[in-house]
PDB file of N, CA and C in Angstrom:
ATOM      1  N   UNK A   1      -1.844   3.563 -10.979  1.00  0.00           N
ATOM      2  CA  UNK A   1      -1.404   3.831  -9.732  1.00  0.00           C
ATOM      3  C   UNK A   1      -2.397   5.149  -9.442  1.00  0.00           C
ATOM      4  N   UNK A   2      -2.968   5.027  -8.279  1.00  0.00           N
ATOM      5  CA  UNK A   2      -4.088   5.895  -7.603  1.00  0.00           C
ATOM      6  C   UNK A   2      -3.237   7.080  -6.945  1.00  0.00           C
ATOM      7  N   UNK A   3      -4.221   8.246  -6.626  1.00  0.00           N
ATOM      8  CA  UNK A   3      -3.636   9.419  -5.862  1.00  0.00           C
ATOM      9  C   UNK A   3      -2.882   9.102  -4.620  1.00  0.00           C
ATOM     10  N   UNK A   4      -3.290   8.108  -3.726  1.00  0.00           N
ATOM     11  CA  UNK A   4      -2.537   7.984  -2.642  1.00  0.00           C
ATOM     12  C   UNK A   4      -1.264   7.205  -2.798  1.00  0.00           C
ATOM     13  N   UNK A   5      -1.243   6.214  -3.905  1.00  0.00           N
ATOM     14  CA  UNK A   5      -0.165   5.488  -4.245  1.00  0.00           C
ATOM     15  C   UNK A   5       1.105   6.546  -4.694  1.00  0.00           C
ATOM     16  N   UNK A   6       0.600   7.586  -5.528  1.00  0.00           N
ATOM     17  CA  UNK A   6       1.265   8.720  -5.958  1.00  0.00           C
ATOM     18  C   UNK A   6       1.959   9.462  -4.904  1.00  0.00           C
ATOM     19  N   UNK A   7       0.927   9.838  -3.968  1.00  0.00           N
ATOM     20  CA  UNK A   7       1.474  10.565  -2.741  1.00  0.00           C
ATOM     21  C   UNK A   7       2.591   9.584  -1.721  1.00  0.00           C
ATOM     22  N   UNK A   8       2.228   8.519  -1.792  1.00  0.00           N
ATOM     23  CA  UNK A   8       3.266   7.506  -0.894  1.00  0.00           C
ATOM     24  C   UNK A   8       4.521   7.330  -1.880  1.00  0.00           C
ATOM     25  N   UNK A   9       4.391   7.202  -3.083  1.00  0.00           N
ATOM     26  CA  UNK A   9       5.745   7.200  -4.026  1.00  0.00           C
ATOM     27  C   UNK A   9       6.577   8.375  -3.851  1.00  0.00           C
ATOM     28  N   UNK A  10       5.763   9.785  -4.063  1.00  0.00           N
ATOM     29  CA  UNK A  10       6.345  10.979  -3.599  1.00  0.00           C
ATOM     30  C   UNK A  10       7.099  10.817  -2.119  1.00  0.00           C
ATOM     31  N   UNK A  11       6.628  10.213  -1.108  1.00  0.00           N
ATOM     32  CA  UNK A  11       7.109  10.556   0.302  1.00  0.00           C
ATOM     33  C   UNK A  11       8.608   9.613   0.100  1.00  0.00           C
ATOM     34  N   UNK A  12       8.487   8.627  -0.473  1.00  0.00           N
ATOM     35  CA  UNK A  12       9.456   7.669  -0.127  1.00  0.00           C
ATOM     36  C   UNK A  12      10.611   8.060  -1.302  1.00  0.00           C
ATOM     37  N   UNK A  13      10.285   9.140  -2.262  1.00  0.00           N
ATOM     38  CA  UNK A  13      11.373   9.484  -3.089  1.00  0.00           C
ATOM     39  C   UNK A  13      11.794  11.020  -2.553  1.00  0.00           C
ATOM     40  N   UNK A  14      11.191  11.321  -1.267  1.00  0.00           N
ATOM     41  CA  UNK A  14      11.417  12.496  -0.931  1.00  0.00           C
ATOM     42  C   UNK A  14      11.112  13.787  -1.833  1.00  0.00           C
ATOM     43  N   UNK A  15       9.920  13.633  -2.601  1.00  0.00           N
ATOM     44  CA  UNK A  15       9.687  14.611  -3.275  1.00  0.00           C
ATOM     45  C   UNK A  15       8.324  15.161  -3.030  1.00  0.00           C
ATOM     46  N   UNK A  16       8.010  16.501  -3.354  1.00  0.00           N
ATOM     47  CA  UNK A  16       6.768  16.977  -3.051  1.00  0.00           C
ATOM     48  C   UNK A  16       5.618  16.186  -3.811  1.00  0.00           C
ATOM     49  N   UNK A  17       4.598  15.934  -3.096  1.00  0.00           N
ATOM     50  CA  UNK A  17       3.555  15.348  -3.682  1.00  0.00           C
ATOM     51  C   UNK A  17       2.654  16.066  -4.558  1.00  0.00           C
ATOM     52  N   UNK A  18       1.988  15.595  -5.474  1.00  0.00           N
ATOM     53  CA  UNK A  18       1.001  16.415  -6.444  1.00  0.00           C
ATOM     54  C   UNK A  18      -0.089  16.681  -5.701  1.00  0.00           C
ATOM     55  N   UNK A  19      -0.729  17.818  -5.527  1.00  0.00           N
ATOM     56  CA  UNK A  19      -1.774  18.086  -4.845  1.00  0.00           C
ATOM     57  C   UNK A  19      -3.116  17.415  -5.472  1.00  0.00           C
ATOM     58  N   UNK A  20      -4.146  16.557  -4.704  1.00  0.00           N
ATOM     59  CA  UNK A  20      -5.351  16.401  -4.775  1.00  0.00           C
ATOM     60  C   UNK A  20      -6.537  16.542  -3.808  1.00  0.00           C
ATOM     61  N   UNK A  21      -7.409  16.192  -4.055  1.00  0.00           N
ATOM     62  CA  UNK A  21      -8.748  16.418  -3.094  1.00  0.00           C
ATOM     63  C   UNK A  21      -8.960  14.882  -2.540  1.00  0.00           C
ATOM     64  N   UNK A  22      -8.259  14.479  -1.270  1.00  0.00           N
ATOM     65  CA  UNK A  22      -8.543  13.030  -0.739  1.00  0.00           C
ATOM     66  C   UNK A  22      -9.924  13.138  -0.132  1.00  0.00           C
ATOM     67  N   UNK A  23     -10.459  11.753  -0.331  1.00  0.00           N
ATOM     68  CA  UNK A  23     -11.780  11.645   0.577  1.00  0.00           C
ATOM     69  C   UNK A  23     -11.280  10.995   1.942  1.00  0.00           C
ATOM     70  N   UNK A  24     -12.285  10.934   2.975  1.00  0.00           N
ATOM     71  CA  UNK A  24     -11.784  10.553   4.366  1.00  0.00           C
ATOM     72  C   UNK A  24     -10.991   9.433   4.494  1.00  0.00           C
ATOM     73  N   UNK A  25     -11.167   8.475   3.579  1.00  0.00           N
ATOM     74  CA  UNK A  25     -10.315   7.224   3.724  1.00  0.00           C
ATOM     75  C   UNK A  25      -8.978   7.407   3.074  1.00  0.00           C
ATOM     76  N   UNK A  26      -8.652   8.223   2.021  1.00  0.00           N
ATOM     77  CA  UNK A  26      -7.584   8.478   1.584  1.00  0.00           C
ATOM     78  C   UNK A  26      -6.711   9.453   2.482  1.00  0.00           C
ATOM     79  N   UNK A  27      -7.240  10.171   3.350  1.00  0.00           N
ATOM     80  CA  UNK A  27      -6.698  11.200   4.348  1.00  0.00           C
ATOM     81  C   UNK A  27      -6.023  10.072   5.397  1.00  0.00           C
ATOM     82  N   UNK A  28      -6.802   9.158   5.779  1.00  0.00           N
ATOM     83  CA  UNK A  28      -6.303   8.106   6.759  1.00  0.00           C
ATOM     84  C   UNK A  28      -5.154   7.376   6.074  1.00  0.00           C
ATOM     85  N   UNK A  29      -5.145   7.079   5.067  1.00  0.00           N
ATOM     86  CA  UNK A  29      -3.943   6.327   4.432  1.00  0.00           C
ATOM     87  C   UNK A  29      -2.864   7.270   4.266  1.00  0.00           C
ATOM     88  N   UNK A  30      -3.051   8.439   3.849  1.00  0.00           N
ATOM     89  CA  UNK A  30      -1.991   9.192   3.853  1.00  0.00           C
ATOM     90  C   UNK A  30      -1.160   9.656   4.873  1.00  0.00           C
ATOM     91  N   UNK A  31      -2.176   9.890   6.164  1.00  0.00           N
ATOM     92  CA  UNK A  31      -1.465   9.985   7.504  1.00  0.00           C
ATOM     93  C   UNK A  31      -0.653   8.676   7.911  1.00  0.00           C
ATOM     94  N   UNK A  32      -1.179   7.578   7.613  1.00  0.00           N
ATOM     95  CA  UNK A  32      -0.372   6.433   7.608  1.00  0.00           C
ATOM     96  C   UNK A  32       1.002   6.423   7.035  1.00  0.00           C
ATOM     97  N   UNK A  33       0.686   6.680   5.829  1.00  0.00           N
ATOM     98  CA  UNK A  33       2.100   6.762   4.993  1.00  0.00           C
ATOM     99  C   UNK A  33       3.121   7.869   5.669  1.00  0.00           C
ATOM    100  N   UNK A  34       2.586   8.938   6.052  1.00  0.00           N
ATOM    101  CA  UNK A  34       3.488  10.045   6.649  1.00  0.00           C
ATOM    102  C   UNK A  34       4.247   9.467   7.959  1.00  0.00           C
ATOM    103  N   UNK A  35       3.498   8.742   8.758  1.00  0.00           N
ATOM    104  CA  UNK A  35       3.900   8.133   9.812  1.00  0.00           C
ATOM    105  C   UNK A  35       4.869   7.116   9.752  1.00  0.00           C
ATOM    106  N   UNK A  36       4.630   6.202   8.693  1.00  0.00           N
ATOM    107  CA  UNK A  36       5.608   5.118   8.266  1.00  0.00           C
ATOM    108  C   UNK A  36       7.013   5.674   7.767  1.00  0.00           C
ATOM    109  N   UNK A  37       6.793   6.834   7.052  1.00  0.00           N
ATOM    110  CA  UNK A  37       8.011   7.401   6.238  1.00  0.00           C
ATOM    111  C   UNK A  37       8.744   8.060   7.568  1.00  0.00           C
ATOM    112  N   UNK A  38       8.090   8.904   8.531  1.00  0.00           N
ATOM    113  CA  UNK A  38       8.748   9.439   9.503  1.00  0.00           C
ATOM    114  C   UNK A  38       9.506   8.302  10.413  1.00  0.00           C
ATOM    115  N   UNK A  39       8.963   7.208  10.589  1.00  0.00           N
ATOM    116  CA  UNK A  39       9.588   6.072  11.489  1.00  0.00           C
ATOM    117  C   UNK A  39      10.734   5.506  10.489  1.00  0.00           C
ATOM    118  N   UNK A  40      10.554   5.374   9.311  1.00  0.00           N
ATOM    119  CA  UNK A  40      11.421   4.787   8.322  1.00  0.00           C
ATOM    120  C   UNK A  40      12.654   5.836   8.592  1.00  0.00           C
ATOM    121  N   UNK A  41      12.656   7.072   8.649  1.00  0.00           N
ATOM    122  CA  UNK A  41      13.799   7.870   8.582  1.00  0.00           C
ATOM    123  C   UNK A  41      14.461   7.790  10.091  1.00  0.00           C
ATOM    124  N   UNK A  42      13.958   7.105  10.722  1.00  0.00           N
ATOM    125  CA  UNK A  42      14.637   6.650  12.048  1.00  0.00           C
ATOM    126  C   UNK A  42      14.877   7.639  13.290  1.00  0.00           C
ATOM    127  N   UNK A  43      14.555   8.851  13.095  1.00  0.00           N
ATOM    128  CA  UNK A  43      14.881   9.891  14.164  1.00  0.00           C
ATOM    129  C   UNK A  43      13.682  10.373  14.850  1.00  0.00           C
ATOM    130  N   UNK A  44      13.572  10.668  16.135  1.00  0.00           N
ATOM    131  CA  UNK A  44      12.431  11.145  16.766  1.00  0.00           C
ATOM    132  C   UNK A  44      11.971  12.478  16.026  1.00  0.00           C
ATOM    133  N   UNK A  45      12.771  13.277  15.810  1.00  0.00           N
ATOM    134  CA  UNK A  45      12.521  14.616  15.092  1.00  0.00           C
ATOM    135  C   UNK A  45      11.911  14.408  13.763  1.00  0.00           C
ATOM    136  N   UNK A  46      11.957  13.315  13.253  1.00  0.00           N
ATOM    137  CA  UNK A  46      11.660  13.104  11.875  1.00  0.00           C
ATOM    138  C   UNK A  46      10.040  13.130  11.747  1.00  0.00           C
ATOM    139  N   UNK A  47       9.558  14.296  11.845  1.00  0.00           N
ATOM    140  CA  UNK A  47       8.173  14.143  11.687  1.00  0.00           C
ATOM    141  C   UNK A  47       7.874  15.207  10.421  1.00  0.00           C
ATOM    142  N   UNK A  48       6.749  15.153   9.801  1.00  0.00           N
ATOM    143  CA  UNK A  48       6.384  15.963   8.504  1.00  0.00           C
ATOM    144  C   UNK A  48       6.213  17.344   9.266  1.00  0.00           C
ATOM    145  N   UNK A  49       6.422  18.335   8.273  1.00  0.00           N
ATOM    146  CA  UNK A  49       6.227  19.695   8.763  1.00  0.00           C
ATOM    147  C   UNK A  49       4.955  19.984   9.101  1.00  0.00           C
ATOM    148  N   UNK A  50       4.699  20.878  10.026  1.00  0.00           N
ATOM    149  CA  UNK A  50       3.221  21.113  10.463  1.00  0.00           C
ATOM    150  C   UNK A  50       2.250  21.744   9.463  1.00  0.00           C
ATOM    151  N   UNK A  51       2.943  22.786   8.649  1.00  0.00           N
ATOM    152  CA  UNK A  51       2.420  23.387   7.350  1.00  0.00           C
ATOM    153  C   UNK A  51       1.900  22.395   6.433  1.00  0.00           C
ATOM    154  N   UNK A  52       2.644  21.206   6.322  1.00  0.00           N
ATOM    155  CA  UNK A  52       2.585  20.303   5.101  1.00  0.00           C
ATOM    156  C   UNK A  52       1.287  19.525   5.549  1.00  0.00           C
ATOM    157  N   UNK A  53       1.398  19.087   6.702  1.00  0.00           N
ATOM    158  CA  UNK A  53       0.234  18.399   7.190  1.00  0.00           C
ATOM    159  C   UNK A  53      -1.181  18.917   7.281  1.00  0.00           C
ATOM    160  N   UNK A  54      -1.208  20.414   7.559  1.00  0.00           N
ATOM    161  CA  UNK A  54      -2.142  21.011   7.580  1.00  0.00           C
ATOM    162  C   UNK A  54      -2.968  21.428   6.234  1.00  0.00           C
ATOM    163  N   UNK A  55      -1.978  21.185   5.186  1.00  0.00           N
ATOM    164  CA  UNK A  55      -2.362  21.397   3.702  1.00  0.00           C
ATOM    165  C   UNK A  55      -3.201  20.177   3.231  1.00  0.00           C
ATOM    166  N   UNK A  56      -3.029  19.147   4.088  1.00  0.00           N
ATOM    167  CA  UNK A  56      -3.387  17.742   3.467  1.00  0.00           C
ATOM    168  C   UNK A  56      -5.086  17.957   3.893  1.00  0.00           C
TER     169      UNK A  56
END
């Protein structure tokens, strides 16, 4: 399992992901995972915390 896989797994489990330094491709994958998780929650206000996204 790679870093992005662990990140997505943490999101699905609603756990805090372990920090790592993503490259540009990984950042894009992580953003997609965040958007998918927000959509999965099914609420318009189900967006990630702005501080969390800023730390990415």
